[in-house]
N, C-alpha and C. Protein backbone atom coordinates (compact mmCIF):
# COMPACT_ATOMS: atom_id res chain seq x y z
N MET A 1 0.83 -1.18 0.00
CA MET A 1 0.00 0.00 0.00
C MET A 1 0.88 1.25 0.00
N ALA A 2 0.57 2.18 -0.84
CA ALA A 2 1.33 3.42 -0.91
C ALA A 2 0.99 4.31 0.28
N THR A 3 1.96 5.06 0.72
CA THR A 3 1.70 5.97 1.84
C THR A 3 0.96 7.20 1.34
N ILE A 4 0.12 7.72 2.19
CA ILE A 4 -0.59 8.96 1.91
C ILE A 4 0.12 10.05 2.69
N GLU A 5 0.56 11.09 2.01
CA GLU A 5 1.33 12.14 2.65
C GLU A 5 0.56 13.44 2.70
N CYS A 6 0.86 14.26 3.70
CA CYS A 6 0.28 15.60 3.82
C CYS A 6 0.83 16.46 2.68
N PRO A 7 -0.02 17.14 1.95
CA PRO A 7 0.46 17.98 0.85
C PRO A 7 1.21 19.22 1.34
N ASN A 8 1.09 19.54 2.64
CA ASN A 8 1.74 20.73 3.19
C ASN A 8 3.13 20.44 3.76
N CYS A 9 3.23 19.38 4.59
CA CYS A 9 4.52 19.12 5.25
C CYS A 9 5.13 17.77 4.91
N GLY A 10 4.39 16.89 4.21
CA GLY A 10 4.93 15.60 3.79
C GLY A 10 4.87 14.50 4.83
N THR A 11 4.18 14.71 5.95
CA THR A 11 4.05 13.70 6.99
C THR A 11 3.21 12.53 6.49
N ASP A 12 3.58 11.31 6.90
CA ASP A 12 2.83 10.11 6.56
C ASP A 12 1.51 10.12 7.32
N LEU A 13 0.39 10.21 6.60
CA LEU A 13 -0.93 10.30 7.23
C LEU A 13 -1.53 8.94 7.56
N THR A 14 -0.82 7.85 7.24
CA THR A 14 -1.31 6.52 7.60
C THR A 14 -0.85 6.10 8.99
N ALA A 15 0.02 6.87 9.61
CA ALA A 15 0.51 6.57 10.96
C ALA A 15 -0.59 6.82 11.99
N PRO A 16 -0.55 6.13 13.12
CA PRO A 16 -1.55 6.36 14.17
C PRO A 16 -1.56 7.81 14.66
N GLN A 17 -2.73 8.35 14.85
CA GLN A 17 -2.96 9.71 15.34
C GLN A 17 -2.28 10.78 14.50
N SER A 18 -2.22 10.56 13.18
CA SER A 18 -1.58 11.55 12.31
C SER A 18 -2.58 12.54 11.72
N VAL A 19 -3.88 12.23 11.80
CA VAL A 19 -4.89 13.13 11.27
C VAL A 19 -5.96 13.40 12.31
N ARG A 20 -6.65 14.51 12.13
CA ARG A 20 -7.81 14.87 12.94
C ARG A 20 -8.97 15.09 11.98
N ILE A 21 -10.07 14.38 12.22
CA ILE A 21 -11.24 14.51 11.37
C ILE A 21 -12.25 15.37 12.11
N ALA A 22 -12.66 16.47 11.49
CA ALA A 22 -13.55 17.42 12.14
C ALA A 22 -14.87 17.51 11.39
N GLU A 23 -15.96 17.26 12.12
CA GLU A 23 -17.29 17.47 11.59
C GLU A 23 -17.85 18.68 12.31
N TYR A 24 -18.23 19.68 11.57
CA TYR A 24 -18.64 20.93 12.17
C TYR A 24 -20.12 20.93 12.52
N GLN A 25 -20.48 21.55 13.63
CA GLN A 25 -21.86 21.67 14.09
C GLN A 25 -22.40 23.00 13.60
N PHE A 26 -23.24 22.98 12.59
CA PHE A 26 -23.83 24.20 12.05
C PHE A 26 -25.22 24.40 12.65
N GLY A 27 -25.64 25.64 12.74
CA GLY A 27 -26.96 25.94 13.26
C GLY A 27 -27.14 27.44 13.44
N HIS A 28 -28.16 27.80 14.20
CA HIS A 28 -28.39 29.21 14.48
C HIS A 28 -29.00 29.35 15.87
N LEU A 29 -28.89 30.55 16.42
CA LEU A 29 -29.43 30.84 17.73
C LEU A 29 -30.75 31.58 17.61
N GLU A 30 -31.63 31.33 18.57
CA GLU A 30 -32.91 32.03 18.65
C GLU A 30 -33.00 32.64 20.04
N LYS A 31 -33.31 33.92 20.12
CA LYS A 31 -33.41 34.62 21.39
C LYS A 31 -34.65 34.13 22.15
N VAL A 32 -34.48 33.86 23.44
CA VAL A 32 -35.56 33.38 24.30
C VAL A 32 -35.62 34.28 25.53
N ALA A 33 -36.82 34.68 25.91
CA ALA A 33 -36.99 35.53 27.10
C ALA A 33 -36.83 34.66 28.34
N GLN A 34 -35.67 34.76 28.99
CA GLN A 34 -35.38 34.00 30.20
C GLN A 34 -34.65 34.88 31.20
N ASP A 35 -34.86 34.61 32.47
CA ASP A 35 -34.05 35.24 33.50
C ASP A 35 -32.66 34.61 33.47
N PRO A 36 -31.63 35.35 33.90
CA PRO A 36 -30.27 34.79 33.90
C PRO A 36 -30.14 33.50 34.72
N MET A 37 -30.99 33.31 35.70
CA MET A 37 -30.93 32.10 36.53
C MET A 37 -31.59 30.90 35.83
N GLU A 38 -32.42 31.15 34.83
CA GLU A 38 -33.12 30.07 34.13
C GLU A 38 -32.31 29.49 32.98
N GLY A 39 -31.51 30.30 32.33
CA GLY A 39 -30.75 29.82 31.18
C GLY A 39 -29.99 30.94 30.51
N PRO A 40 -29.37 30.65 29.38
CA PRO A 40 -28.50 31.62 28.72
C PRO A 40 -29.24 32.72 27.96
N GLY A 41 -30.54 32.58 27.72
CA GLY A 41 -31.29 33.59 26.97
C GLY A 41 -31.37 33.31 25.49
N PHE A 42 -30.93 32.12 25.08
CA PHE A 42 -31.04 31.74 23.68
C PHE A 42 -31.24 30.23 23.58
N ARG A 43 -31.72 29.81 22.42
CA ARG A 43 -31.90 28.39 22.12
C ARG A 43 -31.13 28.11 20.84
N TYR A 44 -30.41 27.00 20.82
CA TYR A 44 -29.62 26.62 19.66
C TYR A 44 -30.40 25.65 18.79
N HIS A 45 -30.49 25.92 17.49
CA HIS A 45 -31.14 25.03 16.54
C HIS A 45 -30.06 24.36 15.69
N PHE A 46 -29.91 23.06 15.85
CA PHE A 46 -28.90 22.28 15.14
C PHE A 46 -29.32 22.04 13.69
N GLU A 47 -28.38 22.22 12.77
CA GLU A 47 -28.58 21.90 11.36
C GLU A 47 -27.49 20.92 10.95
N MET A 48 -27.85 19.95 10.14
CA MET A 48 -26.91 18.90 9.74
C MET A 48 -25.82 19.47 8.83
N PRO A 49 -24.53 19.22 9.15
CA PRO A 49 -23.46 19.68 8.28
C PRO A 49 -23.41 18.85 6.99
N ASP A 50 -22.84 19.41 5.94
CA ASP A 50 -22.74 18.68 4.69
C ASP A 50 -21.31 18.32 4.32
N THR A 51 -20.32 18.78 5.09
CA THR A 51 -18.93 18.45 4.83
C THR A 51 -18.19 18.15 6.13
N TYR A 52 -17.07 17.48 6.00
CA TYR A 52 -16.15 17.33 7.12
C TYR A 52 -14.74 17.55 6.59
N THR A 53 -13.80 17.82 7.48
CA THR A 53 -12.44 18.11 7.06
C THR A 53 -11.45 17.14 7.69
N ILE A 54 -10.35 16.93 7.00
CA ILE A 54 -9.24 16.13 7.52
C ILE A 54 -8.08 17.08 7.71
N LEU A 55 -7.55 17.14 8.94
CA LEU A 55 -6.46 18.04 9.29
C LEU A 55 -5.22 17.22 9.66
N CYS A 56 -4.05 17.69 9.26
CA CYS A 56 -2.78 17.05 9.61
C CYS A 56 -2.44 17.42 11.05
N ASN A 57 -2.11 16.43 11.89
CA ASN A 57 -1.76 16.71 13.28
C ASN A 57 -0.36 17.30 13.43
N SER A 58 0.50 17.10 12.44
CA SER A 58 1.86 17.64 12.54
C SER A 58 1.91 19.14 12.28
N CYS A 59 1.34 19.57 11.16
CA CYS A 59 1.41 20.98 10.79
C CYS A 59 0.11 21.73 11.09
N LYS A 60 -0.94 21.01 11.54
CA LYS A 60 -2.24 21.60 11.89
C LYS A 60 -2.91 22.31 10.72
N ARG A 61 -2.64 21.84 9.50
CA ARG A 61 -3.22 22.48 8.32
C ARG A 61 -4.21 21.53 7.65
N LEU A 62 -5.08 22.12 6.83
CA LEU A 62 -6.11 21.38 6.13
C LEU A 62 -5.50 20.45 5.08
N VAL A 63 -5.91 19.19 5.11
CA VAL A 63 -5.48 18.23 4.11
C VAL A 63 -6.55 18.12 3.03
N ARG A 64 -7.82 17.97 3.47
CA ARG A 64 -8.89 17.79 2.50
C ARG A 64 -10.25 18.06 3.13
N THR A 65 -11.18 18.55 2.34
CA THR A 65 -12.58 18.69 2.74
C THR A 65 -13.39 17.74 1.88
N LEU A 66 -14.21 16.91 2.55
CA LEU A 66 -14.97 15.89 1.85
C LEU A 66 -16.45 16.01 2.17
N PRO A 67 -17.33 15.58 1.25
CA PRO A 67 -18.77 15.62 1.54
C PRO A 67 -19.15 14.57 2.58
N LEU A 68 -20.10 14.90 3.39
CA LEU A 68 -20.60 13.99 4.42
C LEU A 68 -21.78 13.23 3.83
N ASN A 69 -21.67 11.90 3.79
CA ASN A 69 -22.77 11.07 3.27
C ASN A 69 -23.84 10.93 4.34
N LYS A 70 -25.09 11.16 3.95
CA LYS A 70 -26.19 11.09 4.90
C LYS A 70 -26.88 9.76 4.83
């Protein structure tokens, strides 16, 4: 099997813990009338992300953005 390398720094991405896969939580906030003791004063509405990213752990740079299959 050929090694997969980071296009930025050349690190072998097949090694253990060499990449970080990030799926982002997208959404929006809605203002809610609450006292400070009841809650933060907003409600978060979660929306499904459509992409995720692969980051190199050595140089902390983006390797690739891929579509998220639903």
